[in-house]
Amino acid sequence: MTELQLKVLDLLKEDARRTPELIATMLGIAVEDVKQAIAELEQDHIIVKYATIVNWSKMDDSKVTALIEVQITPERGRGFEGIAERIYLYPEVKSVYLMSGAYDLLVEVEGKTLKEVASFVSNKLSPIDAVLSTKTFFILKKYKQDGIIFEEHEGDHRLMVSP
């Protein structure tokens, strides 16, 4: 990966709406160089998707998100890959991570209600033969996601005290 590609990635990660023209101006290089760097990053699947971060708590249409710790028995020859694939193919599953520590996979699931998420865990996830145990944690409030703070914090309005 080139230094230019790293700089372009940093600028796009900060704001994916930045145009190649703006990035070129920010970096002091030619627009064509930026377009080529972006095309290469997309072709190599380093840039996979341009996404919007949404603060769903500001919407009336709230969603329920849960993080599920899953202990599994790895498959012979494939390890965790086959089971992880089977889990991430469910539409309710937003993310799956292989973890070190007390559990093997961390699964992020989204549903319309607590009951819908609980039904996913009991009817789809837990019955998988390789799944030994699950622990479900419901997210009550997101304060920060992907470096973005959702709530404005109040400054300290106390009067300064001097000795």
C-alpha atoms as a PDB file:
ATOM      1  CA  MET A   1       0.000   0.000   0.000  1.00  0.00           C
ATOM      2  CA  THR A   2       1.349   3.386  -0.951  1.00  0.00           C
ATOM      3  CA  GLU A   3       1.593   6.469   1.244  1.00  0.00           C
ATOM      4  CA  LEU A   4      -0.927   8.191  -1.039  1.00  0.00           C
ATOM      5  CA  GLN A   5      -3.429   5.366  -0.572  1.00  0.00           C
ATOM      6  CA  LEU A   6      -3.057   5.593   3.221  1.00  0.00           C
ATOM      7  CA  LYS A   7      -3.672   9.343   3.147  1.00  0.00           C
ATOM      8  CA  VAL A   8      -6.714   8.908   0.906  1.00  0.00           C
ATOM      9  CA  LEU A   9      -8.092   6.201   3.221  1.00  0.00           C
ATOM     10  CA  ASP A  10      -7.652   8.441   6.266  1.00  0.00           C
ATOM     11  CA  LEU A  11      -9.517  11.305   4.589  1.00  0.00           C
ATOM     12  CA  LEU A  12     -12.338   9.068   3.331  1.00  0.00           C
ATOM     13  CA  LYS A  13     -12.698   7.342   6.711  1.00  0.00           C
ATOM     14  CA  GLU A  14     -13.134  10.747   8.302  1.00  0.00           C
ATOM     15  CA  ASP A  15     -15.782  11.748   5.713  1.00  0.00           C
ATOM     16  CA  ALA A  16     -16.735   9.389   2.875  1.00  0.00           C
ATOM     17  CA  ARG A  17     -18.506  12.214   1.036  1.00  0.00           C
ATOM     18  CA  ARG A  18     -15.224  13.930   0.188  1.00  0.00           C
ATOM     19  CA  THR A  19     -14.799  14.148  -3.567  1.00  0.00           C
ATOM     20  CA  PRO A  20     -11.571  13.246  -5.362  1.00  0.00           C
ATOM     21  CA  GLU A  21     -11.242  16.936  -6.227  1.00  0.00           C
ATOM     22  CA  LEU A  22     -11.412  17.969  -2.574  1.00  0.00           C
ATOM     23  CA  ILE A  23      -8.986  15.232  -1.518  1.00  0.00           C
ATOM     24  CA  ALA A  24      -6.566  16.287  -4.255  1.00  0.00           C
ATOM     25  CA  THR A  25      -6.732  19.886  -3.020  1.00  0.00           C
ATOM     26  CA  MET A  26      -6.215  18.791   0.594  1.00  0.00           C
ATOM     27  CA  LEU A  27      -3.181  16.698  -0.349  1.00  0.00           C
ATOM     28  CA  GLY A  28      -1.826  19.097  -2.963  1.00  0.00           C
ATOM     29  CA  ILE A  29      -1.753  16.485  -5.735  1.00  0.00           C
ATOM     30  CA  ALA A  30      -3.474  15.820  -9.073  1.00  0.00           C
ATOM     31  CA  VAL A  31      -7.129  14.727  -9.117  1.00  0.00           C
ATOM     32  CA  GLU A  32      -6.275  11.821 -11.440  1.00  0.00           C
ATOM     33  CA  ASP A  33      -3.812  10.438  -8.858  1.00  0.00           C
ATOM     34  CA  VAL A  34      -6.550  10.460  -6.215  1.00  0.00           C
ATOM     35  CA  LYS A  35      -9.074   8.822  -8.570  1.00  0.00           C
ATOM     36  CA  GLN A  36      -6.529   6.115  -9.440  1.00  0.00           C
ATOM     37  CA  ALA A  37      -5.731   5.497  -5.741  1.00  0.00           C
ATOM     38  CA  ILE A  38      -9.440   5.175  -4.906  1.00  0.00           C
ATOM     39  CA  ALA A  39     -10.056   2.842  -7.857  1.00  0.00           C
ATOM     40  CA  GLU A  40      -7.167   0.594  -6.773  1.00  0.00           C
ATOM     41  CA  LEU A  41      -8.402   0.533  -3.166  1.00  0.00           C
ATOM     42  CA  GLU A  42     -11.891  -0.434  -4.329  1.00  0.00           C
ATOM     43  CA  GLN A  43     -10.563  -3.064  -6.754  1.00  0.00           C
ATOM     44  CA  ASP A  44      -8.410  -4.642  -4.017  1.00  0.00           C
ATOM     45  CA  HIS A  45     -11.443  -4.662  -1.660  1.00  0.00           C
ATOM     46  CA  ILE A  46      -9.661  -2.443   0.836  1.00  0.00           C
ATOM     47  CA  ILE A  47     -12.518   0.031   0.445  1.00  0.00           C
ATOM     48  CA  VAL A  48     -15.481  -2.287   0.747  1.00  0.00           C
ATOM     49  CA  LYS A  49     -18.365   0.150   1.201  1.00  0.00           C
ATOM     50  CA  TYR A  50     -19.143   3.798   1.825  1.00  0.00           C
ATOM     51  CA  ALA A  51     -21.477   3.952   4.819  1.00  0.00           C
ATOM     52  CA  THR A  52     -23.431   6.457   6.875  1.00  0.00           C
ATOM     53  CA  ILE A  53     -23.372   6.386  10.665  1.00  0.00           C
ATOM     54  CA  VAL A  54     -26.912   6.877  11.976  1.00  0.00           C
ATOM     55  CA  ASN A  55     -27.881   7.836  15.510  1.00  0.00           C
ATOM     56  CA  TRP A  56     -30.999   5.649  15.639  1.00  0.00           C
ATOM     57  CA  SER A  57     -31.935   6.955  19.092  1.00  0.00           C
ATOM     58  CA  LYS A  58     -32.961  10.237  17.386  1.00  0.00           C
ATOM     59  CA  MET A  59     -35.473   8.365  15.215  1.00  0.00           C
ATOM     60  CA  ASP A  60     -38.910   7.123  16.208  1.00  0.00           C
ATOM     61  CA  ASP A  61     -38.194   3.846  14.421  1.00  0.00           C
ATOM     62  CA  SER A  62     -35.862   2.461  17.079  1.00  0.00           C
ATOM     63  CA  LYS A  63     -34.059  -0.829  16.698  1.00  0.00           C
ATOM     64  CA  VAL A  64     -32.812  -3.272  19.280  1.00  0.00           C
ATOM     65  CA  THR A  65     -29.148  -4.209  19.078  1.00  0.00           C
ATOM     66  CA  ALA A  66     -27.526  -7.038  20.993  1.00  0.00           C
ATOM     67  CA  LEU A  67     -23.982  -8.288  21.340  1.00  0.00           C
ATOM     68  CA  ILE A  68     -23.777 -12.047  21.738  1.00  0.00           C
ATOM     69  CA  GLU A  69     -20.742 -13.885  23.058  1.00  0.00           C
ATOM     70  CA  VAL A  70     -20.641 -17.309  21.428  1.00  0.00           C
ATOM     71  CA  GLN A  71     -18.490 -20.265  22.454  1.00  0.00           C
ATOM     72  CA  ILE A  72     -18.094 -22.801  19.680  1.00  0.00           C
ATOM     73  CA  THR A  73     -16.261 -26.008  18.860  1.00  0.00           C
ATOM     74  CA  PRO A  74     -14.064 -25.392  15.808  1.00  0.00           C
ATOM     75  CA  GLU A  75     -14.586 -27.657  12.791  1.00  0.00           C
ATOM     76  CA  ARG A  76     -11.814 -30.020  11.777  1.00  0.00           C
ATOM     77  CA  GLY A  77      -9.929 -28.559   8.831  1.00  0.00           C
ATOM     78  CA  ARG A  78     -11.842 -25.255   8.756  1.00  0.00           C
ATOM     79  CA  GLY A  79     -11.541 -24.035  12.326  1.00  0.00           C
ATOM     80  CA  PHE A  80     -13.978 -21.220  13.053  1.00  0.00           C
ATOM     81  CA  GLU A  81     -14.510 -20.182   9.413  1.00  0.00           C
ATOM     82  CA  GLY A  82     -17.445 -22.446   8.536  1.00  0.00           C
ATOM     83  CA  ILE A  83     -19.427 -21.664  11.670  1.00  0.00           C
ATOM     84  CA  ALA A  84     -18.719 -17.934  11.387  1.00  0.00           C
ATOM     85  CA  GLU A  85     -19.931 -18.028   7.776  1.00  0.00           C
ATOM     86  CA  ARG A  86     -23.091 -19.871   8.733  1.00  0.00           C
ATOM     87  CA  ILE A  87     -23.814 -17.225  11.385  1.00  0.00           C
ATOM     88  CA  TYR A  88     -22.979 -14.103   9.333  1.00  0.00           C
ATOM     89  CA  LEU A  89     -25.279 -15.191   6.490  1.00  0.00           C
ATOM     90  CA  TYR A  90     -28.354 -14.532   8.653  1.00  0.00           C
ATOM     91  CA  PRO A  91     -29.863 -11.131   7.752  1.00  0.00           C
ATOM     92  CA  GLU A  92     -30.264 -10.213  11.443  1.00  0.00           C
ATOM     93  CA  VAL A  93     -26.504 -10.433  11.955  1.00  0.00           C
ATOM     94  CA  LYS A  94     -24.700  -7.118  11.432  1.00  0.00           C
ATOM     95  CA  SER A  95     -21.157  -8.109  12.479  1.00  0.00           C
ATOM     96  CA  VAL A  96     -19.189 -11.205  13.498  1.00  0.00           C
ATOM     97  CA  TYR A  97     -15.734 -11.063  15.084  1.00  0.00           C
ATOM     98  CA  LEU A  98     -13.329 -13.863  16.002  1.00  0.00           C
ATOM     99  CA  MET A  99     -12.146 -13.075  19.538  1.00  0.00           C
ATOM    100  CA  SER A 100      -9.476 -14.135  21.953  1.00  0.00           C
ATOM    101  CA  GLY A 101     -10.423 -14.805  25.551  1.00  0.00           C
ATOM    102  CA  ALA A 102     -13.392 -16.464  27.232  1.00  0.00           C
ATOM    103  CA  TYR A 103     -15.504 -16.810  24.071  1.00  0.00           C
ATOM    104  CA  ASP A 104     -14.807 -17.396  20.384  1.00  0.00           C
ATOM    105  CA  LEU A 105     -17.163 -15.162  18.398  1.00  0.00           C
ATOM    106  CA  LEU A 106     -18.784 -11.824  19.116  1.00  0.00           C
ATOM    107  CA  VAL A 107     -21.977 -11.474  17.099  1.00  0.00           C
ATOM    108  CA  GLU A 108     -23.858  -8.187  16.681  1.00  0.00           C
ATOM    109  CA  VAL A 109     -27.542  -8.715  15.967  1.00  0.00           C
ATOM    110  CA  GLU A 110     -30.249  -6.167  15.158  1.00  0.00           C
ATOM    111  CA  GLY A 111     -34.003  -6.614  15.453  1.00  0.00           C
ATOM    112  CA  LYS A 112     -37.223  -4.643  15.846  1.00  0.00           C
ATOM    113  CA  THR A 113     -37.912  -5.889  19.372  1.00  0.00           C
ATOM    114  CA  LEU A 114     -36.201  -7.668  22.270  1.00  0.00           C
ATOM    115  CA  LYS A 115     -38.404 -10.664  21.544  1.00  0.00           C
ATOM    116  CA  GLU A 116     -37.224 -10.790  17.915  1.00  0.00           C
ATOM    117  CA  VAL A 117     -33.561 -10.805  18.964  1.00  0.00           C
ATOM    118  CA  ALA A 118     -34.227 -13.398  21.683  1.00  0.00           C
ATOM    119  CA  SER A 119     -36.023 -15.553  19.109  1.00  0.00           C
ATOM    120  CA  PHE A 120     -33.000 -15.366  16.792  1.00  0.00           C
ATOM    121  CA  VAL A 121     -30.698 -16.529  19.591  1.00  0.00           C
ATOM    122  CA  SER A 122     -32.925 -19.389  20.727  1.00  0.00           C
ATOM    123  CA  ASN A 123     -34.222 -20.586  17.335  1.00  0.00           C
ATOM    124  CA  LYS A 124     -31.328 -19.957  14.941  1.00  0.00           C
ATOM    125  CA  LEU A 125     -28.047 -19.413  16.777  1.00  0.00           C
ATOM    126  CA  SER A 126     -28.162 -21.767  19.762  1.00  0.00           C
ATOM    127  CA  PRO A 127     -29.318 -24.852  17.789  1.00  0.00           C
ATOM    128  CA  ILE A 128     -26.177 -24.815  15.607  1.00  0.00           C
ATOM    129  CA  ASP A 129     -24.326 -28.031  16.536  1.00  0.00           C
ATOM    130  CA  ALA A 130     -20.955 -26.356  17.088  1.00  0.00           C
ATOM    131  CA  VAL A 131     -22.391 -23.681  19.420  1.00  0.00           C
ATOM    132  CA  LEU A 132     -21.608 -24.571  23.031  1.00  0.00           C
ATOM    133  CA  SER A 133     -23.021 -21.487  24.757  1.00  0.00           C
ATOM    134  CA  THR A 134     -24.228 -17.947  24.188  1.00  0.00           C
ATOM    135  CA  LYS A 135     -24.416 -14.828  26.355  1.00  0.00           C
ATOM    136  CA  THR A 136     -26.604 -11.988  25.113  1.00  0.00           C
ATOM    137  CA  PHE A 137     -26.110  -8.339  26.043  1.00  0.00           C
ATOM    138  CA  PHE A 138     -28.641  -5.752  24.856  1.00  0.00           C
ATOM    139  CA  ILE A 139     -27.272  -2.318  24.000  1.00  0.00           C
ATOM    140  CA  LEU A 140     -29.246   0.274  25.938  1.00  0.00           C
ATOM    141  CA  LYS A 141     -27.596   3.402  24.557  1.00  0.00           C
ATOM    142  CA  LYS A 142     -24.749   4.178  22.158  1.00  0.00           C
ATOM    143  CA  TYR A 143     -22.542   7.050  23.219  1.00  0.00           C
ATOM    144  CA  LYS A 144     -19.894   6.700  20.513  1.00  0.00           C
ATOM    145  CA  GLN A 145     -19.535   4.612  17.360  1.00  0.00           C
ATOM    146  CA  ASP A 146     -16.670   4.535  14.852  1.00  0.00           C
ATOM    147  CA  GLY A 147     -15.120   7.601  16.461  1.00  0.00           C
ATOM    148  CA  ILE A 148     -18.355   9.622  16.290  1.00  0.00           C
ATOM    149  CA  ILE A 149     -19.825  10.922  19.566  1.00  0.00           C
ATOM    150  CA  PHE A 150     -23.628  10.870  19.429  1.00  0.00           C
ATOM    151  CA  GLU A 151     -24.530  13.194  22.296  1.00  0.00           C
ATOM    152  CA  GLU A 152     -23.259  16.705  22.790  1.00  0.00           C
ATOM    153  CA  HIS A 153     -21.708  16.911  26.224  1.00  0.00           C
ATOM    154  CA  GLU A 154     -22.263  19.874  28.455  1.00  0.00           C
ATOM    155  CA  GLY A 155     -19.230  21.880  29.386  1.00  0.00           C
ATOM    156  CA  ASP A 156     -18.236  22.591  32.966  1.00  0.00           C
ATOM    157  CA  HIS A 157     -20.181  25.692  33.991  1.00  0.00           C
ATOM    158  CA  ARG A 158     -18.830  25.918  37.538  1.00  0.00           C
ATOM    159  CA  LEU A 159     -17.087  29.095  38.620  1.00  0.00           C
ATOM    160  CA  MET A 160     -13.341  28.906  38.935  1.00  0.00           C
ATOM    161  CA  VAL A 161     -12.146  28.894  42.533  1.00  0.00           C
ATOM    162  CA  SER A 162      -8.744  30.316  43.307  1.00  0.00           C
ATOM    163  CA  PRO A 163      -6.875  30.101  46.612  1.00  0.00           C
END
